[in-house]
Protein backbone atom coordinates (compact mmCIF):
# COMPACT_ATOMS: atom_id res chain seq x y z
CA MET A 1 -104.48 -36.87 -20.31
CA ALA A 2 -101.98 -39.23 -21.71
CA ILE A 3 -102.23 -37.44 -25.05
CA GLU A 4 -101.59 -34.04 -23.47
CA ASN A 5 -98.54 -35.36 -21.62
CA ALA A 6 -97.18 -36.80 -24.84
CA ALA A 7 -97.60 -33.45 -26.66
CA GLU A 8 -95.86 -31.57 -23.89
CA SER A 9 -92.96 -33.99 -23.85
CA ARG A 10 -92.35 -33.35 -27.58
CA LYS A 11 -91.97 -29.53 -27.12
CA PRO A 12 -88.34 -28.54 -26.79
CA LYS A 13 -87.53 -26.92 -23.45
CA TRP A 14 -85.19 -24.32 -25.03
CA LEU A 15 -87.89 -22.79 -27.26
CA LEU A 16 -89.35 -20.38 -24.70
CA PRO A 17 -85.95 -18.83 -23.68
CA VAL A 18 -84.99 -18.45 -27.36
CA VAL A 19 -88.24 -16.66 -28.19
CA ILE A 20 -87.81 -14.33 -25.20
CA GLY A 21 -84.16 -13.70 -26.18
CA VAL A 22 -85.09 -12.87 -29.78
CA ALA A 23 -87.80 -10.50 -28.55
CA LEU A 24 -85.32 -8.73 -26.26
CA LEU A 25 -82.80 -8.42 -29.10
CA ALA A 26 -85.50 -6.95 -31.35
CA ILE A 27 -86.39 -4.38 -28.69
CA ALA A 28 -82.70 -3.51 -28.26
CA ALA A 29 -82.28 -3.11 -32.03
CA VAL A 30 -85.29 -0.80 -32.29
CA THR A 31 -84.01 1.25 -29.36
CA ALA A 32 -80.55 1.50 -30.95
CA VAL A 33 -82.02 2.69 -34.25
CA CYS A 34 -84.14 5.30 -32.50
CA LEU A 35 -81.24 6.62 -30.45
CA ARG A 36 -78.62 6.27 -33.19
CA SER A 37 -78.23 10.00 -33.74
CA ARG A 38 -77.41 10.56 -30.09
CA TRP A 39 -74.94 7.70 -29.93
CA GLY A 40 -73.19 8.62 -33.18
CA ALA A 41 -72.92 12.33 -32.49
CA GLY A 42 -71.11 11.94 -29.19
CA PRO A 43 -71.32 14.69 -26.63
CA GLU A 44 -72.70 17.89 -28.08
CA LYS A 45 -70.52 20.95 -27.94
CA PRO A 46 -72.05 23.85 -26.11
CA ALA A 47 -73.14 26.58 -28.48
CA ASP A 48 -70.89 29.60 -28.63
CA PRO A 49 -72.85 32.53 -27.18
CA TYR A 50 -71.06 34.87 -29.59
CA ASP A 51 -72.06 33.19 -32.85
CA THR A 52 -73.60 36.25 -34.49
CA ARG A 53 -72.04 39.31 -36.05
CA TYR A 54 -70.87 41.93 -33.55
CA ALA A 55 -71.81 39.68 -30.62
CA ARG A 56 -68.35 40.42 -29.22
CA MET A 57 -69.66 43.85 -28.29
CA HIS A 58 -71.81 42.15 -25.64
CA ASP A 59 -68.91 40.19 -24.12
CA PRO A 60 -67.82 41.84 -20.85
CA ALA A 61 -64.33 40.30 -20.93
CA TYR A 62 -63.69 41.58 -24.46
CA LEU A 63 -64.99 45.06 -23.59
CA LYS A 64 -62.77 45.12 -20.50
CA GLU A 65 -59.73 44.35 -22.66
CA LEU A 66 -60.71 47.11 -25.08
CA ASP A 67 -61.05 49.58 -22.21
CA ALA A 68 -57.59 48.66 -20.93
CA LEU A 69 -56.17 49.24 -24.41
CA LYS A 70 -57.94 52.63 -24.61
CA LYS A 71 -56.42 53.70 -21.30
CA GLU A 72 -53.00 52.62 -22.50
CA GLN A 73 -53.59 54.49 -25.76
CA LYS A 74 -54.41 57.68 -23.85
CA SER A 75 -51.20 57.45 -21.85
CA VAL A 76 -49.23 56.82 -25.04
CA ALA A 77 -50.88 59.84 -26.67
CA ARG A 78 -49.94 61.92 -23.63
CA MET A 79 -46.36 60.63 -23.93
CA LEU A 80 -46.31 61.54 -27.64
CA GLY A 81 -47.52 65.07 -26.85
CA GLU A 82 -44.86 65.53 -24.19
CA ALA A 83 -42.18 64.21 -26.53
CA GLN A 84 -43.33 66.57 -29.29
CA ALA A 85 -43.23 69.54 -26.93
CA ALA A 86 -39.76 68.56 -25.69
CA LEU A 87 -38.58 68.22 -29.28
CA GLU A 88 -39.91 71.69 -30.16
CA GLN A 89 -38.12 73.22 -27.16
CA ALA A 90 -34.90 71.39 -27.94
CA LYS A 91 -34.95 72.65 -31.55
CA GLU A 92 -34.50 76.18 -30.22
CA LYS A 93 -31.23 75.15 -28.57
CA GLY A 94 -29.94 73.59 -31.73
CA GLU A 95 -30.09 70.19 -33.35
CA ASP A 96 -26.61 69.36 -32.12
CA SER A 97 -27.49 69.78 -28.45
CA GLU A 98 -27.84 66.92 -25.99
CA GLU A 99 -31.39 68.03 -25.17
CA PHE A 100 -32.42 67.64 -28.81
CA LYS A 101 -30.93 64.14 -28.99
CA ALA A 102 -32.70 63.21 -25.73
CA ALA A 103 -35.96 64.64 -27.08
CA GLN A 104 -35.53 62.61 -30.28
CA ALA A 105 -34.97 59.46 -28.21
CA LYS A 106 -38.07 60.27 -26.17
CA MET A 107 -40.06 60.75 -29.38
CA ALA A 108 -38.77 57.46 -30.80
CA ALA A 109 -39.78 55.65 -27.59
CA ALA A 110 -43.23 57.24 -27.71
CA LYS A 111 -43.69 56.22 -31.37
CA GLU A 112 -42.63 52.67 -30.55
CA ALA A 113 -45.09 52.53 -27.63
CA PHE A 114 -47.79 53.83 -29.98
CA GLN A 115 -47.03 51.10 -32.54
CA LYS A 116 -47.05 48.37 -29.89
CA ASN A 117 -50.41 49.57 -28.59
CA ARG A 118 -51.84 49.71 -32.10
CA ILE A 119 -50.61 46.18 -32.85
CA LYS A 120 -52.10 44.84 -29.58
CA ALA A 121 -55.45 46.44 -30.37
CA GLN A 122 -55.48 45.14 -33.94
CA THR A 123 -54.53 41.65 -32.78
CA LEU A 124 -57.23 41.59 -30.10
CA VAL A 125 -59.94 42.68 -32.52
CA ARG A 126 -58.73 40.44 -35.36
CA ASP A 127 -58.56 37.35 -33.14
CA ARG A 128 -62.02 38.00 -31.76
CA ILE A 129 -63.51 38.54 -35.21
CA GLU A 130 -61.91 35.29 -36.41
CA GLN A 131 -63.35 33.47 -33.38
CA GLU A 132 -66.76 35.00 -34.07
CA ASN A 133 -66.62 34.03 -37.75
CA ALA A 134 -65.64 30.45 -36.84
CA ALA A 135 -68.60 30.23 -34.45
CA ILE A 136 -70.94 31.59 -37.11
CA LYS A 137 -69.64 29.08 -39.66
CA ALA A 138 -70.00 26.20 -37.17
CA LYS A 139 -73.56 27.30 -36.43
CA GLN A 140 -74.41 27.39 -40.13
CA GLU A 141 -72.90 23.94 -40.72
CA ALA A 142 -74.79 22.51 -37.75
CA SER A 143 -78.00 23.98 -39.15
CA LYS A 144 -77.33 22.38 -42.54
CA GLU A 145 -76.72 19.00 -40.90
CA LYS A 146 -79.98 19.24 -39.00
CA GLY A 147 -81.75 20.29 -42.17
CA GLU A 148 -82.97 23.61 -40.85
């Protein structure tokens, strides 16, 4: 027994905590390596639901905007028709008459409204196509990074 007590007294008392600490650090390192992709990537962006060609045609908000522009376009077309008819009637009274000048002003206002509507429609569609193309490009780049 005296020999066993002598052997135990020679063992350092700090050895067991150091071995446990090293084991815990090794486990933490392995865990960090396994989860590295999640830690490095940060929070994932939600996928854009409109990341395919013509997906905008399934977006209710976009279609609602297009419908509003169509309704506005119909009223502008009606205004153009009325202005054209007024201009034709005013021509009969002479191009110097006040009615003709008023009809010309009405036609100019109708043409301006038509141009504004056309520009709004083009801008809406262009912006949405650009957004769609950006989403498609982001999807392709994400696929390349994942190696798909």
